[in-house]
Amino acid sequence: MRVAALIPAAGRGRRMAEELPKAFLPMDGTPLLAHTLRQFEACRGVEEVVVLAPPGNGVQLAEELVKRFGFTRVSRIIPGGAERQDSVYAGLKALGPKMDLVLIHDGARPFITPDLIDRIVAETRVLKAVVAAIPVRDTIKE
């Protein structure tokens, strides 16, 4: 099965009032997007990764990041759209029909693991769609 991952990273993070797009903000000195891409690089089952970068200089920022960290599975970096769904649509069009499965994971969410990604891919062999979730540990008050 041919598997690709779309990584939307075009969010501007307006609520954070930062100049850099959200996915490029550092966590422990490394951009969130780099942490996320590192997880997909470590997956056995993901053949290709497409990054959906912020319009403007976002493509250049993403290209520099991919080069700096040596990510080899990132096949393309394309500008995202005005909304997340526009970015995902652009990514799907860029991939075309050659992939059997497309994973979509937000570039500013770095805490996914290669094991979870591989489990999602395995589950899609049985199910047509899979959403990853983990149990809530905090107390939820209504």
C-alpha atoms as a PDB file:
ATOM      1  CA  MET A   1       0.000   0.000   0.000  1.00  0.00           C
ATOM      2  CA  ARG A   2       1.372   3.431  -0.976  1.00  0.00           C
ATOM      3  CA  VAL A   3       1.004   5.946   1.860  1.00  0.00           C
ATOM      4  CA  ALA A   4       1.524   9.705   1.854  1.00  0.00           C
ATOM      5  CA  ALA A   5       1.161  12.299   4.585  1.00  0.00           C
ATOM      6  CA  LEU A   6      -0.104  15.825   4.144  1.00  0.00           C
ATOM      7  CA  ILE A   7       1.211  18.163   6.819  1.00  0.00           C
ATOM      8  CA  PRO A   8      -0.788  21.403   6.913  1.00  0.00           C
ATOM      9  CA  ALA A   9       1.513  24.056   8.367  1.00  0.00           C
ATOM     10  CA  ALA A  10      -0.059  27.161   6.846  1.00  0.00           C
ATOM     11  CA  GLY A  11      -1.723  28.438  10.027  1.00  0.00           C
ATOM     12  CA  ARG A  12      -0.732  31.917  11.015  1.00  0.00           C
ATOM     13  CA  GLY A  13      -1.391  31.532  14.740  1.00  0.00           C
ATOM     14  CA  ARG A  14      -3.115  34.924  14.976  1.00  0.00           C
ATOM     15  CA  ARG A  15      -4.173  34.341  18.584  1.00  0.00           C
ATOM     16  CA  MET A  16      -0.536  33.866  19.550  1.00  0.00           C
ATOM     17  CA  ALA A  17       0.372  37.331  18.194  1.00  0.00           C
ATOM     18  CA  GLU A  18       3.703  36.094  16.829  1.00  0.00           C
ATOM     19  CA  GLU A  19       5.439  37.128  13.632  1.00  0.00           C
ATOM     20  CA  LEU A  20       6.402  33.582  12.670  1.00  0.00           C
ATOM     21  CA  PRO A  21       3.672  31.180  11.530  1.00  0.00           C
ATOM     22  CA  LYS A  22       2.639  28.836  14.355  1.00  0.00           C
ATOM     23  CA  ALA A  23       4.297  25.689  12.949  1.00  0.00           C
ATOM     24  CA  PHE A  24       7.636  27.512  12.800  1.00  0.00           C
ATOM     25  CA  LEU A  25       7.638  28.606  16.440  1.00  0.00           C
ATOM     26  CA  PRO A  26      10.324  26.888  18.526  1.00  0.00           C
ATOM     27  CA  MET A  27       9.732  24.216  21.119  1.00  0.00           C
ATOM     28  CA  ASP A  28      12.906  23.396  23.016  1.00  0.00           C
ATOM     29  CA  GLY A  29      14.859  25.325  20.379  1.00  0.00           C
ATOM     30  CA  THR A  30      13.447  23.417  17.388  1.00  0.00           C
ATOM     31  CA  PRO A  31      10.489  24.502  15.222  1.00  0.00           C
ATOM     32  CA  LEU A  32       7.247  22.614  15.903  1.00  0.00           C
ATOM     33  CA  LEU A  33       7.124  21.553  12.256  1.00  0.00           C
ATOM     34  CA  ALA A  34      10.571  19.936  12.512  1.00  0.00           C
ATOM     35  CA  HIS A  35       9.450  17.932  15.553  1.00  0.00           C
ATOM     36  CA  THR A  36       6.371  16.784  13.618  1.00  0.00           C
ATOM     37  CA  LEU A  37       8.259  15.893  10.435  1.00  0.00           C
ATOM     38  CA  ARG A  38      10.798  13.928  12.481  1.00  0.00           C
ATOM     39  CA  GLN A  39       7.973  11.593  13.572  1.00  0.00           C
ATOM     40  CA  PHE A  40       6.885  10.950   9.988  1.00  0.00           C
ATOM     41  CA  GLU A  41      10.498  10.436   8.852  1.00  0.00           C
ATOM     42  CA  ALA A  42      10.757   7.613  11.399  1.00  0.00           C
ATOM     43  CA  CYS A  43       7.705   5.725  10.062  1.00  0.00           C
ATOM     44  CA  ARG A  44       8.176   2.588   8.057  1.00  0.00           C
ATOM     45  CA  GLY A  45       4.864   2.929   6.255  1.00  0.00           C
ATOM     46  CA  VAL A  46       4.920   6.548   5.068  1.00  0.00           C
ATOM     47  CA  GLU A  47       6.489   6.864   1.642  1.00  0.00           C
ATOM     48  CA  GLU A  48       5.989  10.552   0.899  1.00  0.00           C
ATOM     49  CA  VAL A  49       5.332  13.739   2.880  1.00  0.00           C
ATOM     50  CA  VAL A  50       3.905  16.957   1.441  1.00  0.00           C
ATOM     51  CA  VAL A  51       4.159  20.117   3.545  1.00  0.00           C
ATOM     52  CA  LEU A  52       1.476  22.762   3.050  1.00  0.00           C
ATOM     53  CA  ALA A  53       3.250  25.990   3.942  1.00  0.00           C
ATOM     54  CA  PRO A  54       1.926  29.466   4.678  1.00  0.00           C
ATOM     55  CA  PRO A  55       1.465  31.667   1.618  1.00  0.00           C
ATOM     56  CA  GLY A  56       4.175  34.262   1.059  1.00  0.00           C
ATOM     57  CA  ASN A  57       7.585  33.353   2.431  1.00  0.00           C
ATOM     58  CA  GLY A  58       6.249  30.178   4.100  1.00  0.00           C
ATOM     59  CA  VAL A  59       7.421  27.919   1.285  1.00  0.00           C
ATOM     60  CA  GLN A  60      10.945  29.317   1.615  1.00  0.00           C
ATOM     61  CA  LEU A  61      10.842  28.895   5.422  1.00  0.00           C
ATOM     62  CA  ALA A  62       9.729  25.273   5.006  1.00  0.00           C
ATOM     63  CA  GLU A  63      12.373  24.558   2.356  1.00  0.00           C
ATOM     64  CA  GLU A  64      15.086  25.895   4.660  1.00  0.00           C
ATOM     65  CA  LEU A  65      13.749  23.807   7.555  1.00  0.00           C
ATOM     66  CA  VAL A  66      13.653  20.597   5.477  1.00  0.00           C
ATOM     67  CA  LYS A  67      17.201  21.198   4.271  1.00  0.00           C
ATOM     68  CA  ARG A  68      18.504  22.124   7.740  1.00  0.00           C
ATOM     69  CA  PHE A  69      17.128  18.963   9.365  1.00  0.00           C
ATOM     70  CA  GLY A  70      17.790  16.669   6.385  1.00  0.00           C
ATOM     71  CA  PHE A  71      14.241  15.382   5.955  1.00  0.00           C
ATOM     72  CA  THR A  72      14.286  12.983   3.021  1.00  0.00           C
ATOM     73  CA  ARG A  73      10.625  11.987   2.758  1.00  0.00           C
ATOM     74  CA  VAL A  74       9.369  15.517   2.129  1.00  0.00           C
ATOM     75  CA  SER A  75       8.754  15.373  -1.609  1.00  0.00           C
ATOM     76  CA  ARG A  76       7.075  18.741  -2.032  1.00  0.00           C
ATOM     77  CA  ILE A  77       6.357  21.966  -0.237  1.00  0.00           C
ATOM     78  CA  ILE A  78       3.397  23.856  -1.629  1.00  0.00           C
ATOM     79  CA  PRO A  79       1.575  26.989  -0.506  1.00  0.00           C
ATOM     80  CA  GLY A  80      -1.469  26.346   1.623  1.00  0.00           C
ATOM     81  CA  GLY A  81      -4.787  28.080   1.182  1.00  0.00           C
ATOM     82  CA  ALA A  82      -6.793  30.647   3.113  1.00  0.00           C
ATOM     83  CA  GLU A  83      -8.357  27.960   5.321  1.00  0.00           C
ATOM     84  CA  ARG A  84      -7.175  24.530   6.449  1.00  0.00           C
ATOM     85  CA  GLN A  85      -9.534  22.721   4.083  1.00  0.00           C
ATOM     86  CA  ASP A  86      -8.127  24.760   1.179  1.00  0.00           C
ATOM     87  CA  SER A  87      -4.614  23.664   2.144  1.00  0.00           C
ATOM     88  CA  VAL A  88      -5.623  19.998   2.383  1.00  0.00           C
ATOM     89  CA  TYR A  89      -7.382  20.202  -0.982  1.00  0.00           C
ATOM     90  CA  ALA A  90      -4.240  21.692  -2.567  1.00  0.00           C
ATOM     91  CA  GLY A  91      -2.198  18.854  -1.067  1.00  0.00           C
ATOM     92  CA  LEU A  92      -4.571  16.189  -2.357  1.00  0.00           C
ATOM     93  CA  LYS A  93      -4.428  17.708  -5.849  1.00  0.00           C
ATOM     94  CA  ALA A  94      -0.621  17.739  -5.678  1.00  0.00           C
ATOM     95  CA  LEU A  95      -0.525  14.039  -4.773  1.00  0.00           C
ATOM     96  CA  GLY A  96      -2.942  12.954  -7.464  1.00  0.00           C
ATOM     97  CA  PRO A  97      -4.329   9.406  -7.630  1.00  0.00           C
ATOM     98  CA  LYS A  98      -1.052   7.529  -7.129  1.00  0.00           C
ATOM     99  CA  MET A  99      -1.430   7.030  -3.345  1.00  0.00           C
ATOM    100  CA  ASP A 100      -3.623   4.379  -1.739  1.00  0.00           C
ATOM    101  CA  LEU A 101      -3.818   6.175   1.599  1.00  0.00           C
ATOM    102  CA  VAL A 102      -3.335   9.784   2.655  1.00  0.00           C
ATOM    103  CA  LEU A 103      -2.716  10.751   6.270  1.00  0.00           C
ATOM    104  CA  ILE A 104      -3.430  14.339   7.321  1.00  0.00           C
ATOM    105  CA  HIS A 105      -1.683  15.682  10.414  1.00  0.00           C
ATOM    106  CA  ASP A 106      -1.285  19.270  11.613  1.00  0.00           C
ATOM    107  CA  GLY A 107       2.320  20.470  11.462  1.00  0.00           C
ATOM    108  CA  ALA A 108       1.959  22.311  14.782  1.00  0.00           C
ATOM    109  CA  ARG A 109       1.033  19.095  16.661  1.00  0.00           C
ATOM    110  CA  PRO A 110       4.394  17.407  17.289  1.00  0.00           C
ATOM    111  CA  PHE A 111       3.401  14.823  19.890  1.00  0.00           C
ATOM    112  CA  ILE A 112       2.301  12.089  17.502  1.00  0.00           C
ATOM    113  CA  THR A 113       4.621   9.068  17.520  1.00  0.00           C
ATOM    114  CA  PRO A 114       5.892   6.835  14.721  1.00  0.00           C
ATOM    115  CA  ASP A 115       4.206   3.897  16.474  1.00  0.00           C
ATOM    116  CA  LEU A 116       0.823   5.638  16.425  1.00  0.00           C
ATOM    117  CA  ILE A 117       1.247   6.581  12.766  1.00  0.00           C
ATOM    118  CA  ASP A 118       2.116   2.973  11.883  1.00  0.00           C
ATOM    119  CA  ARG A 119      -0.911   1.741  13.869  1.00  0.00           C
ATOM    120  CA  ILE A 120      -3.172   4.146  11.971  1.00  0.00           C
ATOM    121  CA  VAL A 121      -1.836   2.844   8.659  1.00  0.00           C
ATOM    122  CA  ALA A 122      -2.401  -0.751   9.812  1.00  0.00           C
ATOM    123  CA  GLU A 123      -5.979   0.003  10.926  1.00  0.00           C
ATOM    124  CA  THR A 124      -6.865   1.451   7.528  1.00  0.00           C
ATOM    125  CA  ARG A 125      -6.279  -1.975   6.038  1.00  0.00           C
ATOM    126  CA  VAL A 126      -9.456  -3.000   7.908  1.00  0.00           C
ATOM    127  CA  LEU A 127     -11.348   0.296   8.150  1.00  0.00           C
ATOM    128  CA  LYS A 128     -11.795   2.977   5.506  1.00  0.00           C
ATOM    129  CA  ALA A 129     -11.113   5.938   7.804  1.00  0.00           C
ATOM    130  CA  VAL A 130      -9.267   6.246  11.108  1.00  0.00           C
ATOM    131  CA  VAL A 131      -9.011   9.106  13.599  1.00  0.00           C
ATOM    132  CA  ALA A 132      -6.311   8.971  16.248  1.00  0.00           C
ATOM    133  CA  ALA A 133      -7.303   9.841  19.802  1.00  0.00           C
ATOM    134  CA  ILE A 134      -5.906   9.230  23.249  1.00  0.00           C
ATOM    135  CA  PRO A 135      -7.797   8.984  26.545  1.00  0.00           C
ATOM    136  CA  VAL A 136      -8.151  12.202  28.515  1.00  0.00           C
ATOM    137  CA  ARG A 137      -6.263  12.093  31.808  1.00  0.00           C
ATOM    138  CA  ASP A 138      -7.432  15.407  33.197  1.00  0.00           C
ATOM    139  CA  THR A 139     -10.656  15.785  35.142  1.00  0.00           C
ATOM    140  CA  ILE A 140     -13.398  17.121  32.906  1.00  0.00           C
ATOM    141  CA  LYS A 141     -15.927  19.342  34.650  1.00  0.00           C
ATOM    142  CA  GLU A 142     -19.249  20.197  33.114  1.00  0.00           C
END
